[in-house]
C-alpha atoms as a PDB file:
ATOM      1  CA  MET A   1      14.125   0.733  -2.768  1.00  0.00           C
ATOM      2  CA  ARG A   2      11.920   1.445   0.028  1.00  0.00           C
ATOM      3  CA  VAL A   3       8.303   1.720  -0.702  1.00  0.00           C
ATOM      4  CA  VAL A   4       5.145   2.579   0.809  1.00  0.00           C
ATOM      5  CA  ALA A   5       1.983   1.289  -0.865  1.00  0.00           C
ATOM      6  CA  ASP A   6      -1.452   2.721  -0.529  1.00  0.00           C
ATOM      7  CA  THR A   7      -4.107   0.179   0.595  1.00  0.00           C
ATOM      8  CA  ASN A   8      -5.778   0.574  -2.883  1.00  0.00           C
ATOM      9  CA  ILE A   9      -2.837  -1.295  -4.446  1.00  0.00           C
ATOM     10  CA  VAL A  10      -2.656  -3.850  -1.647  1.00  0.00           C
ATOM     11  CA  VAL A  11      -6.257  -4.644  -2.124  1.00  0.00           C
ATOM     12  CA  SER A  12      -5.665  -4.691  -6.015  1.00  0.00           C
ATOM     13  CA  GLY A  13      -2.602  -6.742  -5.872  1.00  0.00           C
ATOM     14  CA  LEU A  14      -4.267  -9.424  -3.710  1.00  0.00           C
ATOM     15  CA  PHE A  15      -7.508  -9.932  -5.805  1.00  0.00           C
ATOM     16  CA  TRP A  16      -6.496  -9.035  -9.523  1.00  0.00           C
ATOM     17  CA  ARG A  17      -3.936  -9.627 -12.023  1.00  0.00           C
ATOM     18  CA  GLY A  18      -1.691  -6.360 -13.103  1.00  0.00           C
ATOM     19  CA  ALA A  19       0.578  -3.801 -11.911  1.00  0.00           C
ATOM     20  CA  PRO A  20      -0.193  -3.844  -8.292  1.00  0.00           C
ATOM     21  CA  ARG A  21       0.020  -7.587  -8.162  1.00  0.00           C
ATOM     22  CA  GLN A  22       3.440  -7.385 -10.047  1.00  0.00           C
ATOM     23  CA  LEU A  23       4.390  -4.926  -7.060  1.00  0.00           C
ATOM     24  CA  LEU A  24       3.570  -7.344  -4.714  1.00  0.00           C
ATOM     25  CA  ASP A  25       5.689  -9.846  -6.309  1.00  0.00           C
ATOM     26  CA  ALA A  26       8.452  -7.699  -6.596  1.00  0.00           C
ATOM     27  CA  ALA A  27       8.343  -7.397  -2.771  1.00  0.00           C
ATOM     28  CA  ARG A  28       8.164 -11.013  -2.550  1.00  0.00           C
ATOM     29  CA  ALA A  29      11.344 -11.352  -5.043  1.00  0.00           C
ATOM     30  CA  GLN A  30      13.372  -8.951  -2.752  1.00  0.00           C
ATOM     31  CA  LEU A  31      13.285  -6.461  -5.576  1.00  0.00           C
ATOM     32  CA  ILE A  32      11.566  -3.953  -3.340  1.00  0.00           C
ATOM     33  CA  ASP A  33      11.234  -3.362   0.268  1.00  0.00           C
ATOM     34  CA  LEU A  34       7.487  -2.531   1.263  1.00  0.00           C
ATOM     35  CA  TYR A  35       6.691  -0.334   4.391  1.00  0.00           C
ATOM     36  CA  THR A  36       3.284  -0.449   6.176  1.00  0.00           C
ATOM     37  CA  SER A  37       2.174   0.921   9.803  1.00  0.00           C
ATOM     38  CA  PRO A  38      -0.599  -0.404  12.057  1.00  0.00           C
ATOM     39  CA  ALA A  39      -2.865   2.123  11.054  1.00  0.00           C
ATOM     40  CA  LEU A  40      -2.673   0.988   7.116  1.00  0.00           C
ATOM     41  CA  LEU A  41      -3.027  -2.633   8.073  1.00  0.00           C
ATOM     42  CA  ALA A  42      -6.260  -1.636  10.040  1.00  0.00           C
ATOM     43  CA  GLU A  43      -7.309   0.068   7.091  1.00  0.00           C
ATOM     44  CA  LEU A  44      -6.764  -3.036   5.071  1.00  0.00           C
ATOM     45  CA  SER A  45      -8.601  -5.245   7.490  1.00  0.00           C
ATOM     46  CA  ASP A  46     -11.595  -3.009   7.547  1.00  0.00           C
ATOM     47  CA  VAL A  47     -11.673  -3.022   3.418  1.00  0.00           C
ATOM     48  CA  LEU A  48     -11.448  -6.692   3.159  1.00  0.00           C
ATOM     49  CA  PHE A  49     -14.053  -7.467   5.391  1.00  0.00           C
ATOM     50  CA  ARG A  50     -16.545  -5.111   3.344  1.00  0.00           C
ATOM     51  CA  GLU A  51     -19.359  -7.319   1.996  1.00  0.00           C
ATOM     52  CA  LYS A  52     -18.110  -6.917  -1.830  1.00  0.00           C
ATOM     53  CA  PHE A  53     -15.063  -9.028  -1.094  1.00  0.00           C
ATOM     54  CA  ALA A  54     -16.950 -11.626   0.954  1.00  0.00           C
ATOM     55  CA  GLU A  55     -17.845 -13.973  -1.957  1.00  0.00           C
ATOM     56  CA  ARG A  56     -14.377 -13.678  -3.608  1.00  0.00           C
ATOM     57  CA  LEU A  57     -12.906 -14.906  -0.002  1.00  0.00           C
ATOM     58  CA  ALA A  58     -15.406 -17.580   0.319  1.00  0.00           C
ATOM     59  CA  ALA A  59     -14.525 -18.707  -3.538  1.00  0.00           C
ATOM     60  CA  ALA A  60     -10.711 -18.870  -2.806  1.00  0.00           C
ATOM     61  CA  GLU A  61     -11.222 -20.375   0.792  1.00  0.00           C
ATOM     62  CA  VAL A  62      -9.337 -17.532   2.387  1.00  0.00           C
ATOM     63  CA  ASP A  63     -10.221 -15.604   5.294  1.00  0.00           C
ATOM     64  CA  SER A  64      -9.534 -11.763   5.249  1.00  0.00           C
ATOM     65  CA  ASN A  65      -7.338 -12.067   8.450  1.00  0.00           C
ATOM     66  CA  ASP A  66      -5.020 -14.401   6.811  1.00  0.00           C
ATOM     67  CA  LEU A  67      -4.624 -11.792   3.781  1.00  0.00           C
ATOM     68  CA  VAL A  68      -3.837  -9.153   6.219  1.00  0.00           C
ATOM     69  CA  MET A  69      -1.436 -11.358   7.982  1.00  0.00           C
ATOM     70  CA  GLY A  70       0.158 -12.359   4.914  1.00  0.00           C
ATOM     71  CA  TYR A  71       0.919  -8.763   3.779  1.00  0.00           C
ATOM     72  CA  ALA A  72       2.082  -7.959   7.556  1.00  0.00           C
ATOM     73  CA  ALA A  73       4.654 -10.647   6.867  1.00  0.00           C
ATOM     74  CA  LEU A  74       5.600  -9.317   3.667  1.00  0.00           C
ATOM     75  CA  ALA A  75       6.090  -5.533   4.704  1.00  0.00           C
ATOM     76  CA  LYS A  76       8.083  -4.435   7.216  1.00  0.00           C
ATOM     77  CA  ILE A  77       5.761  -2.789   9.813  1.00  0.00           C
ATOM     78  CA  ILE A  78       6.822   0.684  11.481  1.00  0.00           C
ATOM     79  CA  LYS A  79       4.887   3.226  13.850  1.00  0.00           C
ATOM     80  CA  PRO A  80       5.244   6.498  12.339  1.00  0.00           C
ATOM     81  CA  ALA A  81       6.026   9.202  14.806  1.00  0.00           C
ATOM     82  CA  ASP A  82       4.769  12.406  12.731  1.00  0.00           C
ATOM     83  CA  PHE A  83       1.058  13.115  12.429  1.00  0.00           C
ATOM     84  CA  ILE A  84       0.585  14.492   9.120  1.00  0.00           C
ATOM     85  CA  SER A  85      -2.852  16.307   7.996  1.00  0.00           C
ATOM     86  CA  ILE A  86      -2.358  17.414   4.414  1.00  0.00           C
ATOM     87  CA  ILE A  87      -5.210  15.707   2.862  1.00  0.00           C
ATOM     88  CA  ILE A  88      -8.470  17.095   3.900  1.00  0.00           C
ATOM     89  CA  ASP A  89     -10.951  15.455   1.553  1.00  0.00           C
ATOM     90  CA  ASP A  90      -9.565  12.053   2.689  1.00  0.00           C
ATOM     91  CA  PRO A  91      -7.789  12.206   5.914  1.00  0.00           C
ATOM     92  CA  ASP A  92      -6.974   8.523   5.709  1.00  0.00           C
ATOM     93  CA  ASP A  93      -4.541   9.172   3.165  1.00  0.00           C
ATOM     94  CA  ASN A  94      -2.367  10.994   5.482  1.00  0.00           C
ATOM     95  CA  SER A  95      -1.352   7.437   6.981  1.00  0.00           C
ATOM     96  CA  VAL A  96       0.427   6.711   3.903  1.00  0.00           C
ATOM     97  CA  LEU A  97       2.341   9.914   4.272  1.00  0.00           C
ATOM     98  CA  GLU A  98       2.802   9.268   7.817  1.00  0.00           C
ATOM     99  CA  CYS A  99       4.273   6.025   6.872  1.00  0.00           C
ATOM    100  CA  ALA A 100       6.399   6.898   4.076  1.00  0.00           C
ATOM    101  CA  VAL A 101       8.212   9.619   5.972  1.00  0.00           C
ATOM    102  CA  ALA A 102       8.625   7.103   9.027  1.00  0.00           C
ATOM    103  CA  ALA A 103      10.003   4.721   6.604  1.00  0.00           C
ATOM    104  CA  HIS A 104      12.371   6.934   4.749  1.00  0.00           C
ATOM    105  CA  ALA A 105      10.628   5.754   1.600  1.00  0.00           C
ATOM    106  CA  ASP A 106      11.993   6.200  -1.968  1.00  0.00           C
ATOM    107  CA  ALA A 107       8.576   6.076  -3.382  1.00  0.00           C
ATOM    108  CA  ILE A 108       5.036   6.154  -2.568  1.00  0.00           C
ATOM    109  CA  VAL A 109       2.712   3.996  -4.583  1.00  0.00           C
ATOM    110  CA  SER A 110      -0.950   4.741  -4.604  1.00  0.00           C
ATOM    111  CA  GLY A 111      -4.106   4.549  -7.441  1.00  0.00           C
ATOM    112  CA  ASP A 112      -5.600   7.320  -5.191  1.00  0.00           C
ATOM    113  CA  ASN A 113      -6.154  10.873  -6.841  1.00  0.00           C
ATOM    114  CA  HIS A 114      -5.864  12.574  -3.602  1.00  0.00           C
ATOM    115  CA  LEU A 115      -2.425  11.296  -3.286  1.00  0.00           C
ATOM    116  CA  LEU A 116      -1.228  11.212  -7.081  1.00  0.00           C
ATOM    117  CA  ASN A 117      -2.291  14.848  -7.381  1.00  0.00           C
ATOM    118  CA  LEU A 118       0.305  15.665  -4.838  1.00  0.00           C
ATOM    119  CA  SER A 119       3.052  14.049  -7.173  1.00  0.00           C
ATOM    120  CA  ASN A 120       5.764  14.490  -4.447  1.00  0.00           C
ATOM    121  CA  PHE A 121       5.850  14.734  -0.632  1.00  0.00           C
ATOM    122  CA  ARG A 122       9.045  15.724   1.182  1.00  0.00           C
ATOM    123  CA  ASN A 123      11.188  14.420  -1.884  1.00  0.00           C
ATOM    124  CA  MET A 124       9.226  11.062  -2.105  1.00  0.00           C
ATOM    125  CA  PRO A 125       7.433  10.744  -5.435  1.00  0.00           C
ATOM    126  CA  ILE A 126       3.960   9.314  -5.516  1.00  0.00           C
ATOM    127  CA  LEU A 127       3.602   6.895  -8.429  1.00  0.00           C
ATOM    128  CA  THR A 128       1.252   4.663  -9.965  1.00  0.00           C
ATOM    129  CA  ALA A 129       1.767   1.050  -9.489  1.00  0.00           C
ATOM    130  CA  ASN A 130       2.778   1.103 -13.721  1.00  0.00           C
ATOM    131  CA  GLN A 131       5.203   4.123 -12.895  1.00  0.00           C
ATOM    132  CA  LEU A 132       6.894   2.503 -10.204  1.00  0.00           C
ATOM    133  CA  LEU A 133       7.401  -0.812 -12.107  1.00  0.00           C
ATOM    134  CA  LYS A 134       8.924   1.055 -14.852  1.00  0.00           C
ATOM    135  CA  GLN A 135      11.701   2.642 -12.320  1.00  0.00           C
ATOM    136  CA  ILE A 136      12.341  -0.884 -10.888  1.00  0.00           C
ATOM    137  CA  SER A 137      12.864  -2.328 -14.514  1.00  0.00           C
ATOM    138  CA  LYS A 138      15.476   0.209 -15.118  1.00  0.00           C
END
């Protein structure tokens, strides 16, 4: 299954236990194929450099660049050709859709209401991490 994970899912999976972590574990176990793009990796880097993560990274003795590189190694990186501008309230979310189109994704996983409220984009379901895990376990 080809999956594009929104940055909020990746960050949650890197720092906390729960469904987003299980999703990353599923990719490590090759149960799903994660796809990302340069724009999504840049967003991940920007988020991880926020002060609220500095203490957590220092306690774990991990550099944010290492986390970004680790995720980049786990996911397949593609360069979207299409420019999509559907989500006006949070234009960065359009990068997720662009990546999903380029990846011919089977699903998009997010915790962001701007994306979840679409529920489907070009025949790709937009799911929470829990919903995707239920599909994988079938």
